């Protein structure tokens, strides 16, 4: 039987696929083009739903953008220190 891995945000709160997280930091490589860099930087402060976790434990999120050329997406893998779990909305 495979042991289930827990994933956490920067406060140690457990996060799972489908949870909404606020992006507090992104890591951008030096070779990223300026237009892509701008999209990554705009993600800081935004909220997005966790879609999956990779083998390194990063939580992958995607944001959609409206551009002059149509829709675009930006996906990024977040380490625990780069995200905060968003509190659920009371219904």
PDB file of N, CA and C in Angstrom:
ATOM      1  N   UNK A   1       0.845  -1.176   0.000  1.00  0.00           N
ATOM      2  CA  UNK A   1       0.000   0.000   0.000  1.00  0.00           C
ATOM      3  C   UNK A   1       0.894   1.244   0.000  1.00  0.00           C
ATOM      4  N   UNK A   2       0.571   2.200  -0.864  1.00  0.00           N
ATOM      5  CA  UNK A   2       1.376   3.404  -0.981  1.00  0.00           C
ATOM      6  C   UNK A   2       0.954   4.421   0.077  1.00  0.00           C
ATOM      7  N   UNK A   3       1.937   5.031   0.728  1.00  0.00           N
ATOM      8  CA  UNK A   3       1.673   6.045   1.743  1.00  0.00           C
ATOM      9  C   UNK A   3       1.248   7.341   1.065  1.00  0.00           C
ATOM     10  N   UNK A   4       0.188   7.973   1.588  1.00  0.00           N
ATOM     11  CA  UNK A   4      -0.286   9.228   1.027  1.00  0.00           C
ATOM     12  C   UNK A   4       0.601  10.371   1.514  1.00  0.00           C
ATOM     13  N   UNK A   5       0.987  11.242   0.600  1.00  0.00           N
ATOM     14  CA  UNK A   5       1.859  12.363   0.921  1.00  0.00           C
ATOM     15  C   UNK A   5       0.997  13.583   1.213  1.00  0.00           C
ATOM     16  N   UNK A   6       1.328  14.307   2.276  1.00  0.00           N
ATOM     17  CA  UNK A   6       0.631  15.554   2.592  1.00  0.00           C
ATOM     18  C   UNK A   6       1.401  16.719   1.988  1.00  0.00           C
ATOM     19  N   UNK A   7       0.670  17.661   1.446  1.00  0.00           N
ATOM     20  CA  UNK A   7       1.260  18.874   0.891  1.00  0.00           C
ATOM     21  C   UNK A   7       0.767  20.044   1.732  1.00  0.00           C
ATOM     22  N   UNK A   8       1.629  21.035   1.941  1.00  0.00           N
ATOM     23  CA  UNK A   8       1.268  22.162   2.786  1.00  0.00           C
ATOM     24  C   UNK A   8       1.572  23.491   2.105  1.00  0.00           C
ATOM     25  N   UNK A   9       0.941  24.557   2.650  1.00  0.00           N
ATOM     26  CA  UNK A   9       1.242  25.910   2.188  1.00  0.00           C
ATOM     27  C   UNK A   9       2.306  26.518   3.095  1.00  0.00           C
ATOM     28  N   UNK A  10       2.543  27.805   2.961  1.00  0.00           N
ATOM     29  CA  UNK A  10       3.628  28.433   3.725  1.00  0.00           C
ATOM     30  C   UNK A  10       3.352  28.534   5.214  1.00  0.00           C
ATOM     31  N   UNK A  11       2.095  28.310   5.620  1.00  0.00           N
ATOM     32  CA  UNK A  11       1.731  28.338   7.038  1.00  0.00           C
ATOM     33  C   UNK A  11       1.603  26.936   7.622  1.00  0.00           C
ATOM     34  N   UNK A  12       1.901  25.918   6.815  1.00  0.00           N
ATOM     35  CA  UNK A  12       1.800  24.542   7.282  1.00  0.00           C
ATOM     36  C   UNK A  12       0.408  23.951   7.162  1.00  0.00           C
ATOM     37  N   UNK A  13      -0.522  24.683   6.542  1.00  0.00           N
ATOM     38  CA  UNK A  13      -1.869  24.163   6.330  1.00  0.00           C
ATOM     39  C   UNK A  13      -1.839  23.133   5.202  1.00  0.00           C
ATOM     40  N   UNK A  14      -2.548  22.045   5.371  1.00  0.00           N
ATOM     41  CA  UNK A  14      -2.598  21.017   4.332  1.00  0.00           C
ATOM     42  C   UNK A  14      -3.393  21.537   3.138  1.00  0.00           C
ATOM     43  N   UNK A  15      -2.841  21.325   1.944  1.00  0.00           N
ATOM     44  CA  UNK A  15      -3.517  21.686   0.700  1.00  0.00           C
ATOM     45  C   UNK A  15      -3.649  20.438  -0.152  1.00  0.00           C
ATOM     46  N   UNK A  16      -4.712  20.414  -0.965  1.00  0.00           N
ATOM     47  CA  UNK A  16      -4.952  19.265  -1.835  1.00  0.00           C
ATOM     48  C   UNK A  16      -5.481  19.751  -3.176  1.00  0.00           C
ATOM     49  N   UNK A  17      -5.562  18.847  -4.121  1.00  0.00           N
ATOM     50  CA  UNK A  17      -6.087  19.178  -5.445  1.00  0.00           C
ATOM     51  C   UNK A  17      -7.493  19.741  -5.281  1.00  0.00           C
ATOM     52  N   UNK A  18      -7.756  20.855  -5.960  1.00  0.00           N
ATOM     53  CA  UNK A  18      -9.052  21.519  -5.893  1.00  0.00           C
ATOM     54  C   UNK A  18      -9.091  22.680  -4.915  1.00  0.00           C
ATOM     55  N   UNK A  19      -8.118  22.764  -4.002  1.00  0.00           N
ATOM     56  CA  UNK A  19      -8.077  23.887  -3.063  1.00  0.00           C
ATOM     57  C   UNK A  19      -7.678  25.164  -3.788  1.00  0.00           C
ATOM     58  N   UNK A  20      -8.248  26.282  -3.334  1.00  0.00           N
ATOM     59  CA  UNK A  20      -7.867  27.596  -3.840  1.00  0.00           C
ATOM     60  C   UNK A  20      -6.690  28.101  -3.012  1.00  0.00           C
ATOM     61  N   UNK A  21      -5.659  28.582  -3.690  1.00  0.00           N
ATOM     62  CA  UNK A  21      -4.500  29.156  -3.006  1.00  0.00           C
ATOM     63  C   UNK A  21      -4.215  30.545  -3.560  1.00  0.00           C
ATOM     64  N   UNK A  22      -3.680  31.399  -2.688  1.00  0.00           N
ATOM     65  CA  UNK A  22      -3.215  32.713  -3.125  1.00  0.00           C
ATOM     66  C   UNK A  22      -1.729  32.581  -3.415  1.00  0.00           C
ATOM     67  N   UNK A  23      -1.335  33.053  -4.566  1.00  0.00           N
ATOM     68  CA  UNK A  23       0.065  32.985  -4.984  1.00  0.00           C
ATOM     69  C   UNK A  23       0.796  34.165  -4.346  1.00  0.00           C
ATOM     70  N   UNK A  24       1.786  33.870  -3.506  1.00  0.00           N
ATOM     71  CA  UNK A  24       2.504  34.934  -2.799  1.00  0.00           C
ATOM     72  C   UNK A  24       3.897  35.190  -3.368  1.00  0.00           C
ATOM     73  N   UNK A  25       4.393  34.269  -4.172  1.00  0.00           N
ATOM     74  CA  UNK A  25       5.726  34.426  -4.760  1.00  0.00           C
ATOM     75  C   UNK A  25       5.838  33.471  -5.943  1.00  0.00           C
ATOM     76  N   UNK A  26       6.577  33.865  -6.959  1.00  0.00           N
ATOM     77  CA  UNK A  26       6.885  32.967  -8.072  1.00  0.00           C
ATOM     78  C   UNK A  26       8.391  32.991  -8.310  1.00  0.00           C
ATOM     79  N   UNK A  27       8.906  31.900  -8.816  1.00  0.00           N
ATOM     80  CA  UNK A  27      10.320  31.817  -9.191  1.00  0.00           C
ATOM     81  C   UNK A  27      10.389  31.831 -10.708  1.00  0.00           C
ATOM     82  N   UNK A  28      11.108  32.801 -11.243  1.00  0.00           N
ATOM     83  CA  UNK A  28      11.194  32.965 -12.691  1.00  0.00           C
ATOM     84  C   UNK A  28      12.651  32.838 -13.106  1.00  0.00           C
ATOM     85  N   UNK A  29      12.907  31.927 -14.016  1.00  0.00           N
ATOM     86  CA  UNK A  29      14.271  31.717 -14.498  1.00  0.00           C
ATOM     87  C   UNK A  29      14.771  32.895 -15.316  1.00  0.00           C
ATOM     88  N   UNK A  30      16.074  33.056 -15.416  1.00  0.00           N
ATOM     89  CA  UNK A  30      16.654  34.189 -16.138  1.00  0.00           C
ATOM     90  C   UNK A  30      16.431  34.133 -17.649  1.00  0.00           C
ATOM     91  N   UNK A  31      16.114  32.960 -18.189  1.00  0.00           N
ATOM     92  CA  UNK A  31      15.940  32.820 -19.632  1.00  0.00           C
ATOM     93  C   UNK A  31      14.501  33.026 -20.099  1.00  0.00           C
ATOM     94  N   UNK A  32      13.598  33.363 -19.191  1.00  0.00           N
ATOM     95  CA  UNK A  32      12.191  33.553 -19.547  1.00  0.00           C
ATOM     96  C   UNK A  32      12.047  34.863 -20.319  1.00  0.00           C
ATOM     97  N   UNK A  33      11.274  34.815 -21.408  1.00  0.00           N
ATOM     98  CA  UNK A  33      11.053  36.008 -22.226  1.00  0.00           C
ATOM     99  C   UNK A  33      10.252  37.045 -21.447  1.00  0.00           C
ATOM    100  N   UNK A  34      10.403  38.316 -21.817  1.00  0.00           N
ATOM    101  CA  UNK A  34       9.776  39.412 -21.077  1.00  0.00           C
ATOM    102  C   UNK A  34       8.260  39.292 -20.984  1.00  0.00           C
ATOM    103  N   UNK A  35       7.582  38.906 -22.087  1.00  0.00           N
ATOM    104  CA  UNK A  35       6.120  38.810 -22.035  1.00  0.00           C
ATOM    105  C   UNK A  35       5.672  37.684 -21.106  1.00  0.00           C
ATOM    106  N   UNK A  36       6.407  36.577 -21.087  1.00  0.00           N
ATOM    107  CA  UNK A  36       6.089  35.481 -20.173  1.00  0.00           C
ATOM    108  C   UNK A  36       6.399  35.888 -18.737  1.00  0.00           C
ATOM    109  N   UNK A  37       7.519  36.576 -18.539  1.00  0.00           N
ATOM    110  CA  UNK A  37       7.899  37.052 -17.203  1.00  0.00           C
ATOM    111  C   UNK A  37       6.784  37.936 -16.635  1.00  0.00           C
ATOM    112  N   UNK A  38       6.237  38.807 -17.472  1.00  0.00           N
ATOM    113  CA  UNK A  38       5.166  39.704 -17.043  1.00  0.00           C
ATOM    114  C   UNK A  38       3.938  38.912 -16.581  1.00  0.00           C
ATOM    115  N   UNK A  39       3.576  37.866 -17.311  1.00  0.00           N
ATOM    116  CA  UNK A  39       2.429  37.042 -16.920  1.00  0.00           C
ATOM    117  C   UNK A  39       2.674  36.370 -15.573  1.00  0.00           C
ATOM    118  N   UNK A  40       3.874  35.822 -15.383  1.00  0.00           N
ATOM    119  CA  UNK A  40       4.197  35.192 -14.099  1.00  0.00           C
ATOM    120  C   UNK A  40       4.127  36.208 -12.963  1.00  0.00           C
ATOM    121  N   UNK A  41       4.658  37.407 -13.180  1.00  0.00           N
ATOM    122  CA  UNK A  41       4.648  38.437 -12.139  1.00  0.00           C
ATOM    123  C   UNK A  41       3.229  38.865 -11.791  1.00  0.00           C
ATOM    124  N   UNK A  42       2.328  38.906 -12.781  1.00  0.00           N
ATOM    125  CA  UNK A  42       0.931  39.266 -12.525  1.00  0.00           C
ATOM    126  C   UNK A  42       0.208  38.210 -11.691  1.00  0.00           C
ATOM    127  N   UNK A  43       0.736  37.005 -11.643  1.00  0.00           N
ATOM    128  CA  UNK A  43       0.105  35.944 -10.858  1.00  0.00           C
ATOM    129  C   UNK A  43       0.229  36.196  -9.354  1.00  0.00           C
ATOM    130  N   UNK A  44       1.254  36.929  -8.940  1.00  0.00           N
ATOM    131  CA  UNK A  44       1.463  37.183  -7.509  1.00  0.00           C
ATOM    132  C   UNK A  44       0.278  37.984  -6.966  1.00  0.00           C
ATOM    133  N   UNK A  45      -0.335  37.458  -5.913  1.00  0.00           N
ATOM    134  CA  UNK A  45      -1.508  38.082  -5.304  1.00  0.00           C
ATOM    135  C   UNK A  45      -2.821  37.496  -5.792  1.00  0.00           C
ATOM    136  N   UNK A  46      -2.783  36.775  -6.904  1.00  0.00           N
ATOM    137  CA  UNK A  46      -3.993  36.168  -7.457  1.00  0.00           C
ATOM    138  C   UNK A  46      -4.279  34.834  -6.764  1.00  0.00           C
ATOM    139  N   UNK A  47      -5.505  34.359  -6.906  1.00  0.00           N
ATOM    140  CA  UNK A  47      -5.859  33.040  -6.392  1.00  0.00           C
ATOM    141  C   UNK A  47      -6.123  32.105  -7.559  1.00  0.00           C
ATOM    142  N   UNK A  48      -5.813  30.850  -7.346  1.00  0.00           N
ATOM    143  CA  UNK A  48      -6.007  29.838  -8.370  1.00  0.00           C
ATOM    144  C   UNK A  48      -6.206  28.490  -7.696  1.00  0.00           C
ATOM    145  N   UNK A  49      -6.820  27.572  -8.424  1.00  0.00           N
ATOM    146  CA  UNK A  49      -7.100  26.229  -7.907  1.00  0.00           C
ATOM    147  C   UNK A  49      -5.933  25.293  -8.200  1.00  0.00           C
ATOM    148  N   UNK A  50      -5.570  24.486  -7.207  1.00  0.00           N
ATOM    149  CA  UNK A  50      -4.514  23.494  -7.411  1.00  0.00           C
ATOM    150  C   UNK A  50      -5.042  22.404  -8.339  1.00  0.00           C
ATOM    151  N   UNK A  51      -4.327  22.155  -9.435  1.00  0.00           N
ATOM    152  CA  UNK A  51      -4.728  21.146 -10.415  1.00  0.00           C
ATOM    153  C   UNK A  51      -4.062  19.802 -10.179  1.00  0.00           C
ATOM    154  N   UNK A  52      -2.808  19.845  -9.735  1.00  0.00           N
ATOM    155  CA  UNK A  52      -2.068  18.597  -9.523  1.00  0.00           C
ATOM    156  C   UNK A  52      -0.816  18.899  -8.723  1.00  0.00           C
ATOM    157  N   UNK A  53      -0.163  17.833  -8.263  1.00  0.00           N
ATOM    158  CA  UNK A  53       1.141  17.928  -7.615  1.00  0.00           C
ATOM    159  C   UNK A  53       2.121  17.113  -8.445  1.00  0.00           C
ATOM    160  N   UNK A  54       3.332  17.630  -8.612  1.00  0.00           N
ATOM    161  CA  UNK A  54       4.344  16.864  -9.339  1.00  0.00           C
ATOM    162  C   UNK A  54       5.185  16.044  -8.361  1.00  0.00           C
ATOM    163  N   UNK A  55       6.122  15.286  -8.900  1.00  0.00           N
ATOM    164  CA  UNK A  55       6.946  14.395  -8.076  1.00  0.00           C
ATOM    165  C   UNK A  55       7.787  15.158  -7.055  1.00  0.00           C
ATOM    166  N   UNK A  56       8.087  16.427  -7.334  1.00  0.00           N
ATOM    167  CA  UNK A  56       8.870  17.250  -6.408  1.00  0.00           C
ATOM    168  C   UNK A  56       7.996  17.888  -5.330  1.00  0.00           C
ATOM    169  N   UNK A  57       6.676  17.672  -5.413  1.00  0.00           N
ATOM    170  CA  UNK A  57       5.758  18.221  -4.413  1.00  0.00           C
ATOM    171  C   UNK A  57       5.230  19.604  -4.733  1.00  0.00           C
ATOM    172  N   UNK A  58       5.555  20.131  -5.913  1.00  0.00           N
ATOM    173  CA  UNK A  58       5.036  21.447  -6.298  1.00  0.00           C
ATOM    174  C   UNK A  58       3.562  21.344  -6.663  1.00  0.00           C
ATOM    175  N   UNK A  59       2.796  22.357  -6.253  1.00  0.00           N
ATOM    176  CA  UNK A  59       1.373  22.448  -6.583  1.00  0.00           C
ATOM    177  C   UNK A  59       1.247  23.236  -7.886  1.00  0.00           C
ATOM    178  N   UNK A  60       0.638  22.623  -8.900  1.00  0.00           N
ATOM    179  CA  UNK A  60       0.512  23.285 -10.195  1.00  0.00           C
ATOM    180  C   UNK A  60      -0.826  23.995 -10.304  1.00  0.00           C
ATOM    181  N   UNK A  61      -0.748  25.275 -10.715  1.00  0.00           N
ATOM    182  CA  UNK A  61      -1.931  26.108 -10.914  1.00  0.00           C
ATOM    183  C   UNK A  61      -1.850  26.733 -12.303  1.00  0.00           C
ATOM    184  N   UNK A  62      -3.001  27.110 -12.838  1.00  0.00           N
ATOM    185  CA  UNK A  62      -3.069  27.736 -14.162  1.00  0.00           C
ATOM    186  C   UNK A  62      -3.932  28.980 -14.080  1.00  0.00           C
ATOM    187  N   UNK A  63      -3.520  30.024 -14.770  1.00  0.00           N
ATOM    188  CA  UNK A  63      -4.336  31.229 -14.898  1.00  0.00           C
ATOM    189  C   UNK A  63      -4.610  31.468 -16.377  1.00  0.00           C
ATOM    190  N   UNK A  64      -5.807  31.971 -16.647  1.00  0.00           N
ATOM    191  CA  UNK A  64      -6.232  32.293 -18.008  1.00  0.00           C
ATOM    192  C   UNK A  64      -6.150  33.796 -18.207  1.00  0.00           C
ATOM    193  N   UNK A  65      -5.715  34.202 -19.398  1.00  0.00           N
ATOM    194  CA  UNK A  65      -5.563  35.609 -19.737  1.00  0.00           C
ATOM    195  C   UNK A  65      -6.299  35.901 -21.038  1.00  0.00           C
ATOM    196  N   UNK A  66      -6.908  37.076 -21.129  1.00  0.00           N
ATOM    197  CA  UNK A  66      -7.465  37.565 -22.390  1.00  0.00           C
ATOM    198  C   UNK A  66      -6.417  38.471 -23.014  1.00  0.00           C
ATOM    199  N   UNK A  67      -6.041  38.171 -24.247  1.00  0.00           N
ATOM    200  CA  UNK A  67      -5.035  38.973 -24.939  1.00  0.00           C
ATOM    201  C   UNK A  67      -5.622  39.475 -26.250  1.00  0.00           C
ATOM    202  N   UNK A  68      -4.889  40.344 -26.927  1.00  0.00           N
ATOM    203  CA  UNK A  68      -5.323  40.840 -28.235  1.00  0.00           C
ATOM    204  C   UNK A  68      -5.448  39.704 -29.242  1.00  0.00           C
ATOM    205  N   UNK A  69      -4.704  38.638 -29.025  1.00  0.00           N
ATOM    206  CA  UNK A  69      -4.691  37.503 -29.945  1.00  0.00           C
ATOM    207  C   UNK A  69      -5.614  36.374 -29.504  1.00  0.00           C
ATOM    208  N   UNK A  70      -6.388  36.588 -28.441  1.00  0.00           N
ATOM    209  CA  UNK A  70      -7.278  35.541 -27.928  1.00  0.00           C
ATOM    210  C   UNK A  70      -6.931  35.193 -26.493  1.00  0.00           C
ATOM    211  N   UNK A  71      -7.255  33.975 -26.095  1.00  0.00           N
ATOM    212  CA  UNK A  71      -6.978  33.526 -24.732  1.00  0.00           C
ATOM    213  C   UNK A  71      -5.588  32.908 -24.639  1.00  0.00           C
ATOM    214  N   UNK A  72      -4.982  33.063 -23.476  1.00  0.00           N
ATOM    215  CA  UNK A  72      -3.682  32.457 -23.200  1.00  0.00           C
ATOM    216  C   UNK A  72      -3.725  31.887 -21.790  1.00  0.00           C
ATOM    217  N   UNK A  73      -2.875  30.912 -21.529  1.00  0.00           N
ATOM    218  CA  UNK A  73      -2.782  30.354 -20.184  1.00  0.00           C
ATOM    219  C   UNK A  73      -1.339  30.395 -19.713  1.00  0.00           C
ATOM    220  N   UNK A  74      -1.195  30.478 -18.413  1.00  0.00           N
ATOM    221  CA  UNK A  74       0.118  30.393 -17.783  1.00  0.00           C
ATOM    222  C   UNK A  74      -0.005  29.409 -16.640  1.00  0.00           C
ATOM    223  N   UNK A  75       0.840  28.395 -16.625  1.00  0.00           N
ATOM    224  CA  UNK A  75       0.859  27.406 -15.547  1.00  0.00           C
ATOM    225  C   UNK A  75       2.195  27.494 -14.832  1.00  0.00           C
ATOM    226  N   UNK A  76       2.151  27.256 -13.521  1.00  0.00           N
ATOM    227  CA  UNK A  76       3.376  27.312 -12.728  1.00  0.00           C
ATOM    228  C   UNK A  76       3.262  26.341 -11.560  1.00  0.00           C
ATOM    229  N   UNK A  77       4.390  25.743 -11.205  1.00  0.00           N
ATOM    230  CA  UNK A  77       4.459  24.864 -10.041  1.00  0.00           C
ATOM    231  C   UNK A  77       4.923  25.662  -8.836  1.00  0.00           C
ATOM    232  N   UNK A  78       4.149  25.597  -7.755  1.00  0.00           N
ATOM    233  CA  UNK A  78       4.435  26.378  -6.556  1.00  0.00           C
ATOM    234  C   UNK A  78       4.958  25.499  -5.431  1.00  0.00           C
ATOM    235  N   UNK A  79       6.028  25.945  -4.806  1.00  0.00           N
ATOM    236  CA  UNK A  79       6.531  25.306  -3.592  1.00  0.00           C
ATOM    237  C   UNK A  79       5.682  25.792  -2.417  1.00  0.00           C
ATOM    238  N   UNK A  80       5.710  25.086  -1.294  1.00  0.00           N
ATOM    239  CA  UNK A  80       4.881  25.496  -0.154  1.00  0.00           C
ATOM    240  C   UNK A  80       5.042  26.963   0.244  1.00  0.00           C
ATOM    241  N   UNK A  81       6.269  27.499   0.232  1.00  0.00           N
ATOM    242  CA  UNK A  81       6.480  28.888   0.661  1.00  0.00           C
ATOM    243  C   UNK A  81       5.948  29.915  -0.331  1.00  0.00           C
ATOM    244  N   UNK A  82       5.479  29.466  -1.494  1.00  0.00           N
ATOM    245  CA  UNK A  82       5.001  30.381  -2.527  1.00  0.00           C
ATOM    246  C   UNK A  82       3.480  30.509  -2.573  1.00  0.00           C
ATOM    247  N   UNK A  83       2.781  29.870  -1.630  1.00  0.00           N
ATOM    248  CA  UNK A  83       1.313  29.902  -1.673  1.00  0.00           C
ATOM    249  C   UNK A  83       0.712  29.885  -0.275  1.00  0.00           C
ATOM    250  N   UNK A  84      -0.525  30.414  -0.200  1.00  0.00           N
ATOM    251  CA  UNK A  84      -1.317  30.378   1.024  1.00  0.00           C
ATOM    252  C   UNK A  84      -2.676  29.793   0.690  1.00  0.00           C
ATOM    253  N   UNK A  85      -3.134  28.859   1.496  1.00  0.00           N
ATOM    254  CA  UNK A  85      -4.462  28.286   1.297  1.00  0.00           C
ATOM    255  C   UNK A  85      -5.496  29.365   1.569  1.00  0.00           C
ATOM    256  N   UNK A  86      -6.439  29.493   0.650  1.00  0.00           N
ATOM    257  CA  UNK A  86      -7.505  30.469   0.799  1.00  0.00           C
ATOM    258  C   UNK A  86      -8.579  29.865   1.692  1.00  0.00           C
ATOM    259  N   UNK A  87      -9.071  30.661   2.639  1.00  0.00           N
ATOM    260  CA  UNK A  87     -10.120  30.179   3.538  1.00  0.00           C
ATOM    261  C   UNK A  87     -11.386  29.910   2.737  1.00  0.00           C
ATOM    262  N   UNK A  88     -12.098  28.822   3.051  1.00  0.00           N
ATOM    263  CA  UNK A  88     -13.342  28.540   2.334  1.00  0.00           C
ATOM    264  C   UNK A  88     -14.380  29.627   2.596  1.00  0.00           C
ATOM    265  N   UNK A  89     -15.191  29.892   1.593  1.00  0.00           N
ATOM    266  CA  UNK A  89     -16.245  30.897   1.701  1.00  0.00           C
ATOM    267  C   UNK A  89     -17.425  30.285   2.444  1.00  0.00           C
ATOM    268  N   UNK A  90     -17.926  30.995   3.454  1.00  0.00           N
ATOM    269  CA  UNK A  90     -19.094  30.507   4.201  1.00  0.00           C
ATOM    270  C   UNK A  90     -20.319  30.578   3.304  1.00  0.00           C
ATOM    271  N   UNK A  91     -21.127  29.540   3.352  1.00  0.00           N
ATOM    272  CA  UNK A  91     -22.332  29.513   2.504  1.00  0.00           C
ATOM    273  C   UNK A  91     -23.566  29.688   3.330  1.00  0.00           C
TER     274      UNK A  91
END
